[in-house]
Amino acid sequence: MKQKVTAVFDIGKTNKKFFLFDKNFKEIYREYARFDEIEDEDGFPTENLHALQTWLKDLFHRILDNEEYHIKAINFSTYGASFVHLDENGEVLTPLYNYLKDIDETLLDGFYKKYGPEIDLSTKTGSPKSGMLNSGLQLYWLKYTQPELFKKIKYSLHLPQYLSYVFTGIPLSEYTSIGCHTALWDYDKKDYHTWVYVEGIHKILPPIVSTETSINMNYNGKRIKIGVGIHDSSSALIPYIRGSKKPFVLVSTGTWSVSLNPFSKTLLNEKELQENCISYMRINGKAVKSSKLLLGNEYKHQITELSSHYNLPYDHHKTVQFNFDTYSNLDTNFKSCFRWKYLANDHTPSKTNLLHNTYEEAYHQLLIELVKIQVKNIEAAKGNDTRINRLFVDGGFSDNDVFIKLLSHYLRDMKLRSTSSSLGSALGAAIVISDSKLNSKFLKENYSLKKHVPFIIT
C-alpha cells in the first residue's frame, strides 16, 4: 500500500527544496535544486521563473507516479516581497522583479508626500521605507514607470500564491504574504491601506482567503488537496507557536536572518521603526514584531573573501569549531575589522583589515562581529517584554558551532535552543493545511532541539 504524504515546495532565494511528510509530520523524502539567475530588462539579476515552474511541475509529476507515495495534499512556502503579474490569459507579463532592485527616490518621495507622513504610514503598515522590499510599492512603481504594461495586469499574485496558481489556475491572495512589510496592509483597520484603494491597486489583487484554505482538486486523475501558499517566515513560526507553551523569539536564519516575536501586543512605534523593526503576520492576522538582516548574504560574501585571502577552499569554514582561547584573545581590546557589503557600516573600518595569523582566527573575528549585530536584531524584536526568555534558532546557522556558542554567550539570560533540522518553513506549510494538532513533544521529536548553555568565563 502506498504511504499517504503531504508534499511541500519550500522556495528560498538560493535553495529550492521539496519535502514529503508522513501523517506525523516526519520528513521522509527531500530534493534540492538551484537555478542560475536571469536578468530583467534593466540587467538586474532576478529569479528564473520559467525554470522554477518547470522544475515544480516535472518533480511533482514524477512523485505522483511514484509507487511508494500517495500525495494527499501539497502546499507552498516561499520568500516574500515578490509579485508575479498575469494578463487576462493568465500569462506572466514581467520578470519576477528582485526585491533588492532600486526604486527611483523621486518616485518614492512622491508616494510618501501623497500618502504619508512616512512615519504614520510605516507605523500603520508595519513597513518602514524599504523600496522594493515593500512589495506594494512594486505595484506603485509599475503603475508609474510602465503604465501601458500595468494596464494589462489582470492579477498580481504574491509568489507563494502564484505557485499555488500554477497547480490550481485559481488566483488568490493570502494574509501572511500581504502582511509581510509590504506597505499594503493597515494593521489598525485590518484591511488594505487607503492608498491601495486610491491608486486602484486593489483591483488587481485577487480575493483574500485564510492561510489554512485548501482547494480539493482532481489533478492528473488523482484527488489532491492544494494549499494557497504561505510566506516562509510566517510559516517557520507555526511549529513553534503550536509546539511551545511559553513566549519566545524565533531567529530564522538563511539568506535573511529574521528575528520574530509573535507575542507583541502593540503596533510598531517610531523608536522600533528606527531600530529597523518590521511586521510580519501570523495566520490569525496578528502582527509579528520582527527585525531582519541579510546575514546569509553577508556571511557568504565574507567567507569568499577569507578563502581567497588565506588560499583555502570555500567550504573550509564548515570545519571550524568554536575555540575559547581564540575568542578570549580576540575579545581582549576588541576592534572591528570587517567592512560590510550587505549590512549597515556604522562604526566599521573604511575597508576590511585581515591582520589575523590564521583562517580560524579571522573566522572567529567575523562571527563575533556578525553575532553582535544579530544580538541587537534579536533585542529589537524582543523589546521590553520580560515574559520572553526563550530563544529558538533554526535554518542555516543553527548548526554553526561558533555562531551558536557566541549567541548563547551574548544572550546569557535567554534559554537558547537550536535545531539540527533544515526543514525551516516547509514543516509549517505542511501543518497549516492539515487538521492535526501538535502535542507538547512535537518540537523535541521533529526538530531535534538542542539545549545550549553559555560557556564559562574565567
Protein backbone atom coordinates (compact mmCIF):
# COMPACT_ATOMS: atom_id res chain seq x y z
CA MET A 1 0.00 0.00 0.00
CA LYS A 2 1.25 3.49 -0.85
CA GLN A 3 2.20 5.75 2.05
CA LYS A 4 -0.01 8.83 2.42
CA VAL A 5 2.09 12.00 2.41
CA THR A 6 1.92 15.80 2.32
CA ALA A 7 4.17 17.49 -0.23
CA VAL A 8 5.72 20.93 0.25
CA PHE A 9 7.71 23.12 -2.10
CA ASP A 10 9.86 25.44 0.03
CA ILE A 11 11.36 28.09 -2.24
CA GLY A 12 14.20 30.27 -0.98
CA LYS A 13 16.21 32.83 -2.88
CA THR A 14 19.11 30.37 -3.16
CA ASN A 15 17.83 26.86 -2.47
CA LYS A 16 14.65 25.38 -3.91
CA LYS A 17 13.51 22.48 -1.75
CA PHE A 18 10.87 19.77 -1.96
CA PHE A 19 9.75 17.67 1.02
CA LEU A 20 7.38 14.82 1.73
CA PHE A 21 5.98 14.43 5.27
CA ASP A 22 4.10 11.47 6.73
CA LYS A 23 0.95 11.75 8.85
CA ASN A 24 3.05 12.58 11.93
CA PHE A 25 4.95 15.29 10.02
CA LYS A 26 8.13 13.26 9.92
CA GLU A 27 10.24 14.05 6.87
CA ILE A 28 10.51 11.00 4.63
CA TYR A 29 11.85 12.50 1.40
CA ARG A 30 13.60 15.64 0.16
CA GLU A 31 15.10 17.11 -3.00
CA TYR A 32 17.09 20.31 -3.50
CA ALA A 33 17.68 22.38 -6.63
CA ARG A 34 19.36 25.66 -7.58
CA PHE A 35 18.90 27.80 -10.68
CA ASP A 36 21.13 30.44 -12.18
CA GLU A 37 19.52 33.85 -12.04
CA ILE A 38 18.48 35.63 -15.22
CA GLU A 39 18.30 39.40 -15.82
CA ASP A 40 15.33 41.73 -16.07
CA GLU A 41 15.05 44.41 -18.76
CA ASP A 42 17.45 46.64 -16.81
CA GLY A 43 20.08 43.93 -16.46
CA PHE A 44 19.31 43.38 -12.76
CA PRO A 45 19.56 39.73 -11.59
CA THR A 46 16.28 38.00 -10.83
CA GLU A 47 14.60 34.63 -10.36
CA ASN A 48 14.34 32.34 -13.38
CA LEU A 49 10.60 31.89 -13.02
CA HIS A 50 10.29 29.65 -16.07
CA ALA A 51 12.97 27.24 -14.79
CA LEU A 52 11.35 27.22 -11.34
CA GLN A 53 7.90 26.45 -12.75
CA THR A 54 9.28 23.67 -14.98
CA TRP A 55 11.07 22.08 -12.01
CA LEU A 56 7.91 22.27 -9.88
CA LYS A 57 5.77 20.51 -12.44
CA ASP A 58 8.34 17.88 -13.51
CA LEU A 59 9.21 16.92 -9.94
CA PHE A 60 5.62 16.81 -8.76
CA HIS A 61 4.51 14.65 -11.69
CA ARG A 62 7.40 12.28 -11.04
CA ILE A 63 6.41 11.90 -7.38
CA LEU A 64 2.76 11.47 -8.35
CA ASP A 65 3.75 8.48 -10.47
CA ASN A 66 5.95 7.01 -7.74
CA GLU A 67 4.73 3.65 -6.47
CA GLU A 68 5.74 4.39 -2.85
CA TYR A 69 3.74 7.55 -2.14
CA HIS A 70 0.15 8.73 -2.29
CA ILE A 71 0.13 12.54 -2.18
CA LYS A 72 -2.97 13.67 -0.33
CA ALA A 73 -2.01 17.37 -0.06
CA ILE A 74 0.50 19.91 -1.33
CA ASN A 75 1.43 23.39 -0.15
CA PHE A 76 3.97 26.10 -0.94
CA SER A 77 6.27 28.23 1.18
CA THR A 78 8.36 30.95 -0.44
CA TYR A 79 10.22 34.15 0.22
CA GLY A 80 8.17 37.33 0.16
CA ALA A 81 8.37 40.81 -1.35
CA SER A 82 7.84 39.29 -4.80
CA PHE A 83 4.92 39.60 -7.20
CA VAL A 84 4.05 37.68 -10.36
CA HIS A 85 1.90 39.74 -12.73
CA LEU A 86 -0.56 37.96 -15.02
CA ASP A 87 -2.52 39.20 -18.02
CA GLU A 88 -6.13 38.29 -18.80
CA ASN A 89 -4.98 34.99 -20.33
CA GLY A 90 -3.00 34.00 -17.25
CA GLU A 91 0.34 34.64 -18.94
CA VAL A 92 3.25 36.13 -16.99
CA LEU A 93 3.79 39.76 -18.04
CA THR A 94 7.07 40.75 -16.39
CA PRO A 95 10.18 39.30 -14.78
CA LEU A 96 9.89 38.46 -11.09
CA TYR A 97 11.46 41.74 -10.02
CA ASN A 98 14.17 41.34 -7.41
CA TYR A 99 13.34 42.98 -4.09
CA LEU A 100 16.92 44.29 -3.93
CA LYS A 101 16.40 46.36 -7.09
CA ASP A 102 16.43 50.12 -6.55
CA ILE A 103 13.38 52.34 -6.96
CA ASP A 104 13.82 55.92 -8.10
CA GLU A 105 13.94 58.07 -4.96
CA THR A 106 11.89 60.79 -6.64
CA LEU A 107 9.05 58.31 -7.16
CA LEU A 108 9.28 57.18 -3.53
CA ASP A 109 9.32 60.75 -2.27
CA GLY A 110 6.18 61.43 -4.31
CA PHE A 111 4.47 58.39 -2.81
CA TYR A 112 5.17 59.41 0.78
CA LYS A 113 4.22 63.01 0.03
CA LYS A 114 0.82 61.79 -1.19
CA TYR A 115 0.16 59.15 1.45
CA GLY A 116 2.41 59.99 4.39
CA PRO A 117 3.69 61.29 6.67
CA GLU A 118 6.19 58.44 6.26
CA ILE A 119 6.27 57.57 9.95
CA ASP A 120 2.46 57.37 10.10
CA LEU A 121 2.20 55.09 7.07
CA SER A 122 5.12 52.95 8.28
CA THR A 123 3.57 52.55 11.73
CA LYS A 124 0.14 51.54 10.42
CA THR A 125 1.54 49.08 7.87
CA GLY A 126 4.47 47.81 9.94
CA SER A 127 6.59 48.63 6.90
CA PRO A 128 9.45 51.10 7.22
CA LYS A 129 10.55 52.67 3.94
CA SER A 130 12.47 49.91 2.15
CA GLY A 131 11.91 50.39 -1.59
CA MET A 132 11.14 47.16 -3.46
CA LEU A 133 11.18 45.22 -0.16
CA ASN A 134 7.85 46.96 0.41
CA SER A 135 6.32 44.86 -2.33
CA GLY A 136 3.22 47.04 -2.51
CA LEU A 137 5.50 49.77 -3.82
CA GLN A 138 6.49 47.46 -6.65
CA LEU A 139 2.91 47.84 -7.87
CA TYR A 140 3.04 51.61 -7.45
CA TRP A 141 6.40 51.65 -9.29
CA LEU A 142 4.99 49.61 -12.19
CA LYS A 143 1.94 51.83 -12.46
CA TYR A 144 4.01 54.98 -12.91
CA THR A 145 7.09 53.68 -14.75
CA GLN A 146 5.39 51.21 -17.11
CA PRO A 147 1.78 52.45 -17.32
CA GLU A 148 0.90 50.60 -20.53
CA LEU A 149 2.15 47.32 -19.13
CA PHE A 150 0.38 47.98 -15.82
CA LYS A 151 -2.92 48.34 -17.70
CA LYS A 152 -2.50 44.76 -18.98
CA ILE A 153 -2.30 43.28 -15.48
CA LYS A 154 -5.35 41.23 -14.60
CA TYR A 155 -3.92 39.85 -11.34
CA SER A 156 -0.79 40.40 -9.28
CA LEU A 157 -0.02 37.35 -7.14
CA HIS A 158 2.41 37.10 -4.27
CA LEU A 159 4.95 34.37 -5.08
CA PRO A 160 3.51 31.67 -2.73
CA GLN A 161 0.06 32.19 -4.25
CA TYR A 162 1.48 32.11 -7.77
CA LEU A 163 2.97 28.67 -7.14
CA SER A 164 -0.43 27.51 -5.92
CA TYR A 165 -1.98 29.08 -9.04
CA VAL A 166 0.39 27.03 -11.23
CA PHE A 167 -1.40 23.93 -9.96
CA THR A 168 -4.96 25.21 -9.49
CA GLY A 169 -5.41 28.02 -12.01
CA ILE A 170 -7.24 29.93 -9.25
CA PRO A 171 -5.85 33.42 -8.41
CA LEU A 172 -5.97 34.20 -4.68
CA SER A 173 -4.39 36.44 -2.06
CA GLU A 174 -3.45 35.27 1.45
CA TYR A 175 -2.84 37.12 4.70
CA THR A 176 0.76 36.25 5.63
CA SER A 177 2.02 37.36 2.21
CA ILE A 178 0.00 40.59 2.36
CA GLY A 179 1.23 41.37 5.88
CA CYS A 180 4.99 40.93 5.41
CA HIS A 181 6.34 44.53 5.31
CA THR A 182 4.53 45.16 2.01
CA ALA A 183 3.12 48.60 2.94
CA LEU A 184 -0.20 47.22 1.68
CA TRP A 185 -1.91 46.26 4.93
CA ASP A 186 -3.24 48.62 7.58
CA TYR A 187 -3.00 46.71 10.87
CA ASP A 188 -5.28 49.24 12.55
CA LYS A 189 -8.12 48.83 10.03
CA LYS A 190 -7.37 45.15 9.33
CA ASP A 191 -7.75 45.96 5.65
CA TYR A 192 -5.68 47.26 2.79
CA HIS A 193 -4.31 50.73 3.48
CA THR A 194 -6.23 53.67 2.00
CA TRP A 195 -3.54 54.32 -0.64
CA VAL A 196 -4.19 50.88 -2.17
CA TYR A 197 -7.80 51.85 -2.90
CA VAL A 198 -6.99 55.39 -4.03
CA GLU A 199 -4.49 54.05 -6.58
CA GLY A 200 -6.85 51.30 -7.72
CA ILE A 201 -4.27 48.67 -6.79
CA HIS A 202 -6.96 46.59 -5.08
CA LYS A 203 -8.49 45.84 -8.49
CA ILE A 204 -5.56 43.62 -9.47
CA LEU A 205 -5.24 41.89 -6.09
CA PRO A 206 -7.31 38.67 -6.04
CA PRO A 207 -9.76 37.80 -3.25
CA ILE A 208 -8.17 37.21 0.17
CA VAL A 209 -8.52 33.79 1.77
CA SER A 210 -7.30 32.27 5.02
CA THR A 211 -3.83 30.71 5.04
CA GLU A 212 -5.47 27.45 6.08
CA THR A 213 -7.59 27.37 2.93
CA SER A 214 -7.11 24.43 0.59
CA ILE A 215 -8.66 23.53 -2.73
CA ASN A 216 -9.76 19.96 -3.37
CA MET A 217 -8.94 19.11 -6.95
CA ASN A 218 -8.78 16.24 -9.35
CA TYR A 219 -5.17 16.66 -10.50
CA ASN A 220 -3.99 14.31 -13.25
CA GLY A 221 -6.67 11.86 -12.19
CA LYS A 222 -5.76 11.99 -8.51
CA ARG A 223 -7.73 13.67 -5.72
CA ILE A 224 -5.41 16.17 -4.01
CA LYS A 225 -5.83 18.99 -1.50
CA ILE A 226 -3.85 22.02 -2.75
CA GLY A 227 -2.90 24.80 -0.34
CA VAL A 228 -2.85 28.50 -1.19
CA GLY A 229 0.76 29.01 -0.06
CA ILE A 230 2.32 30.88 2.84
CA HIS A 231 5.10 33.39 3.41
CA ASP A 232 8.17 31.48 4.61
CA SER A 233 8.91 33.48 7.77
CA SER A 234 5.31 33.19 8.95
CA SER A 235 5.41 29.50 8.09
CA ALA A 236 8.58 28.93 10.13
CA LEU A 237 6.73 30.21 13.21
CA ILE A 238 3.87 27.71 13.06
CA PRO A 239 5.54 24.62 14.59
CA TYR A 240 6.96 26.72 17.43
CA ILE A 241 3.71 28.54 18.19
CA ARG A 242 1.78 25.28 18.26
CA GLY A 243 4.51 23.27 19.97
CA SER A 244 5.70 25.70 22.67
CA LYS A 245 3.58 26.85 25.60
CA LYS A 246 5.82 29.75 26.65
CA PRO A 247 6.67 33.03 24.86
CA PHE A 248 9.77 33.04 22.68
CA VAL A 249 11.69 34.76 19.92
CA LEU A 250 12.48 32.69 16.85
CA VAL A 251 15.55 33.50 14.78
CA SER A 252 15.01 32.02 11.33
CA THR A 253 18.35 32.08 9.52
CA GLY A 254 19.29 31.81 5.87
CA THR A 255 19.77 34.45 3.18
CA TRP A 256 17.94 36.70 5.62
CA SER A 257 18.15 36.26 9.37
CA VAL A 258 14.75 37.20 10.74
CA SER A 259 14.07 37.58 14.47
CA LEU A 260 10.36 37.02 15.05
CA ASN A 261 8.38 37.92 18.16
CA PRO A 262 4.80 36.64 17.75
CA PHE A 263 3.81 37.75 21.26
CA SER A 264 3.98 41.52 20.81
CA LYS A 265 0.60 43.13 21.51
CA THR A 266 1.14 46.60 20.07
CA LEU A 267 1.85 48.07 16.65
CA LEU A 268 5.36 49.25 15.91
CA ASN A 269 6.25 52.64 17.32
CA GLU A 270 8.65 55.24 15.95
CA LYS A 271 11.58 54.03 18.07
CA GLU A 272 11.12 50.44 16.87
CA LEU A 273 10.92 51.57 13.26
CA GLN A 274 14.20 53.44 13.74
CA GLU A 275 15.67 50.17 15.02
CA ASN A 276 14.65 48.60 11.68
CA CYS A 277 11.75 46.61 13.13
CA ILE A 278 9.09 45.44 10.69
CA SER A 279 5.86 43.47 10.87
CA TYR A 280 5.07 40.04 9.59
CA MET A 281 1.69 38.42 10.07
CA ARG A 282 0.58 35.26 11.87
CA ILE A 283 -2.03 33.13 10.16
CA ASN A 284 -4.59 34.51 12.62
CA GLY A 285 -3.96 38.04 11.31
CA LYS A 286 -1.96 39.30 14.29
CA ALA A 287 1.18 41.33 13.70
CA VAL A 288 4.56 39.74 14.44
CA LYS A 289 7.18 42.25 15.58
CA SER A 290 10.35 41.38 13.73
CA SER A 291 13.78 42.56 12.78
CA LYS A 292 15.86 41.24 9.92
CA LEU A 293 19.26 41.49 8.31
CA LEU A 294 20.95 39.99 5.26
CA LEU A 295 23.13 37.76 7.41
CA GLY A 296 23.41 34.86 4.96
CA ASN A 297 24.38 37.07 2.05
CA GLU A 298 26.97 38.90 4.13
CA TYR A 299 28.37 35.66 5.52
CA LYS A 300 28.80 34.11 2.06
CA HIS A 301 30.49 37.22 0.73
CA GLN A 302 32.94 37.42 3.63
CA ILE A 303 33.68 33.68 3.56
CA THR A 304 34.56 34.01 -0.12
CA GLU A 305 36.97 36.82 0.77
CA LEU A 306 38.52 34.81 3.61
CA SER A 307 39.01 31.78 1.36
CA SER A 308 40.83 33.90 -1.18
CA HIS A 309 42.95 35.71 1.40
CA TYR A 310 44.10 32.53 3.17
CA ASN A 311 44.21 30.43 -0.01
CA LEU A 312 41.82 27.79 1.33
CA PRO A 313 38.74 26.10 -0.20
CA TYR A 314 35.44 27.92 0.20
CA ASP A 315 33.98 25.08 2.30
CA HIS A 316 36.80 25.29 4.86
CA HIS A 317 34.53 27.36 7.11
CA LYS A 318 32.43 24.25 7.74
CA THR A 319 35.34 22.66 9.61
CA VAL A 320 35.85 25.48 12.12
CA GLN A 321 34.71 24.77 15.69
CA PHE A 322 34.47 27.30 18.50
CA ASN A 323 37.74 27.80 20.35
CA PHE A 324 37.57 29.63 23.67
CA ASP A 325 41.23 30.70 23.66
CA THR A 326 40.87 32.21 20.19
CA TYR A 327 37.73 34.04 21.30
CA SER A 328 39.37 35.26 24.51
CA ASN A 329 42.42 36.61 22.66
CA LEU A 330 40.22 38.49 20.19
CA ASP A 331 37.92 39.78 22.93
CA THR A 332 40.82 41.48 24.70
CA ASN A 333 40.98 45.02 23.30
CA PHE A 334 38.41 44.03 20.68
CA LYS A 335 38.37 46.07 17.47
CA SER A 336 36.11 45.69 14.44
CA CYS A 337 37.90 44.51 11.30
CA PHE A 338 35.24 43.93 8.66
CA ARG A 339 33.64 46.29 6.16
CA TRP A 340 30.19 45.01 5.23
CA LYS A 341 28.72 44.62 1.77
CA TYR A 342 25.08 43.92 2.72
CA LEU A 343 24.86 45.25 6.30
CA ALA A 344 24.99 48.79 7.67
CA ASN A 345 28.54 50.05 8.17
CA ASP A 346 28.10 52.07 11.36
CA HIS A 347 31.35 52.23 13.33
CA THR A 348 33.22 49.91 10.95
CA PRO A 349 36.58 50.48 9.23
CA SER A 350 36.69 52.03 5.76
CA LYS A 351 37.93 48.69 4.42
CA THR A 352 38.33 45.17 5.76
CA ASN A 353 41.58 44.62 7.70
CA LEU A 354 42.59 40.97 7.88
CA LEU A 355 45.59 41.04 10.21
CA HIS A 356 44.98 37.60 11.72
CA ASN A 357 47.61 34.87 11.52
CA THR A 358 45.19 32.06 10.62
CA TYR A 359 41.90 31.49 8.86
CA GLU A 360 40.41 30.16 12.11
CA GLU A 361 41.28 33.36 13.95
CA ALA A 362 39.83 35.55 11.18
CA TYR A 363 36.72 33.35 11.09
CA HIS A 364 36.16 33.84 14.84
CA GLN A 365 36.60 37.58 14.32
CA LEU A 366 33.98 37.55 11.57
CA LEU A 367 31.48 35.58 13.65
CA ILE A 368 31.97 37.77 16.72
CA GLU A 369 31.15 40.84 14.66
CA LEU A 370 28.17 39.22 12.94
CA VAL A 371 26.75 37.77 16.16
CA LYS A 372 26.95 41.15 17.90
CA ILE A 373 24.80 42.57 15.10
CA GLN A 374 22.48 39.56 15.38
CA VAL A 375 22.07 40.17 19.12
CA LYS A 376 20.92 43.76 18.51
CA ASN A 377 18.50 42.36 15.94
CA ILE A 378 17.04 39.92 18.47
CA GLU A 379 16.81 42.53 21.22
CA ALA A 380 14.94 44.89 18.88
CA ALA A 381 12.33 42.20 18.15
CA LYS A 382 12.09 41.16 21.80
CA GLY A 383 11.70 44.72 23.05
CA ASN A 384 10.99 45.15 26.75
CA ASP A 385 8.81 42.05 27.06
CA THR A 386 10.05 40.43 30.28
CA ARG A 387 7.93 37.33 29.64
CA ILE A 388 10.24 36.25 26.84
CA ASN A 389 13.30 34.32 27.98
CA ARG A 390 13.31 31.60 25.32
CA LEU A 391 15.16 31.79 22.04
CA PHE A 392 14.87 29.31 19.17
CA VAL A 393 17.31 29.30 16.25
CA ASP A 394 16.61 27.40 13.06
CA GLY A 395 17.80 27.43 9.48
CA GLY A 396 21.28 27.58 8.01
CA PHE A 397 23.13 28.95 11.06
CA SER A 398 21.58 26.58 13.59
CA ASP A 399 24.40 24.05 13.18
CA ASN A 400 27.21 26.63 13.08
CA ASP A 401 29.13 25.88 16.28
CA VAL A 402 30.86 29.27 16.52
CA PHE A 403 27.67 31.22 15.80
CA ILE A 404 25.57 29.33 18.36
CA LYS A 405 28.16 29.41 21.16
CA LEU A 406 28.71 33.13 20.72
CA LEU A 407 24.96 33.81 20.59
CA SER A 408 24.47 31.81 23.79
CA HIS A 409 27.29 33.79 25.41
CA TYR A 410 26.00 37.24 24.47
CA LEU A 411 22.40 36.36 25.40
CA ARG A 412 23.15 34.57 28.65
CA ASP A 413 19.78 35.44 30.18
CA MET A 414 17.86 33.60 27.47
CA LYS A 415 17.34 29.86 27.20
CA LEU A 416 18.71 29.03 23.77
CA ARG A 417 17.58 26.03 21.74
CA SER A 418 18.71 25.26 18.21
CA THR A 419 17.53 22.63 15.79
CA SER A 420 19.57 20.39 13.54
CA SER A 421 16.59 20.25 11.23
CA SER A 422 16.79 22.08 7.90
CA LEU A 423 13.04 21.93 7.45
CA GLY A 424 12.67 25.65 8.07
CA SER A 425 9.31 26.83 6.83
CA ALA A 426 8.42 23.62 4.97
CA LEU A 427 7.02 21.92 8.06
CA GLY A 428 4.83 24.91 8.86
CA ALA A 429 3.39 24.82 5.35
CA ALA A 430 2.53 21.14 5.81
CA ILE A 431 0.96 21.69 9.23
CA VAL A 432 -1.17 24.67 8.19
CA ILE A 433 -3.22 22.68 5.66
CA SER A 434 -3.71 19.69 7.94
CA ASP A 435 -6.41 19.14 10.51
CA SER A 436 -3.93 17.75 13.03
CA LYS A 437 -2.99 19.26 16.36
CA LEU A 438 0.56 19.11 17.71
CA ASN A 439 1.38 17.58 21.08
CA SER A 440 3.83 19.04 23.59
CA LYS A 441 6.64 16.73 22.43
CA PHE A 442 6.41 17.75 18.79
CA LEU A 443 9.38 20.12 18.72
CA LYS A 444 11.62 17.70 20.57
CA GLU A 445 10.68 14.77 18.34
CA ASN A 446 10.63 16.54 14.97
CA TYR A 447 13.19 19.28 15.38
CA SER A 448 15.93 17.54 17.40
CA LEU A 449 16.10 20.57 19.66
CA LYS A 450 19.49 21.06 21.24
CA LYS A 451 19.92 22.96 24.51
CA HIS A 452 22.87 25.37 24.77
CA VAL A 453 24.49 26.60 27.95
CA PRO A 454 26.73 29.70 27.85
CA PHE A 455 30.43 28.93 28.15
CA ILE A 456 32.06 29.70 31.50
CA ILE A 457 34.01 32.93 31.68
CA THR A 458 37.27 32.53 33.61
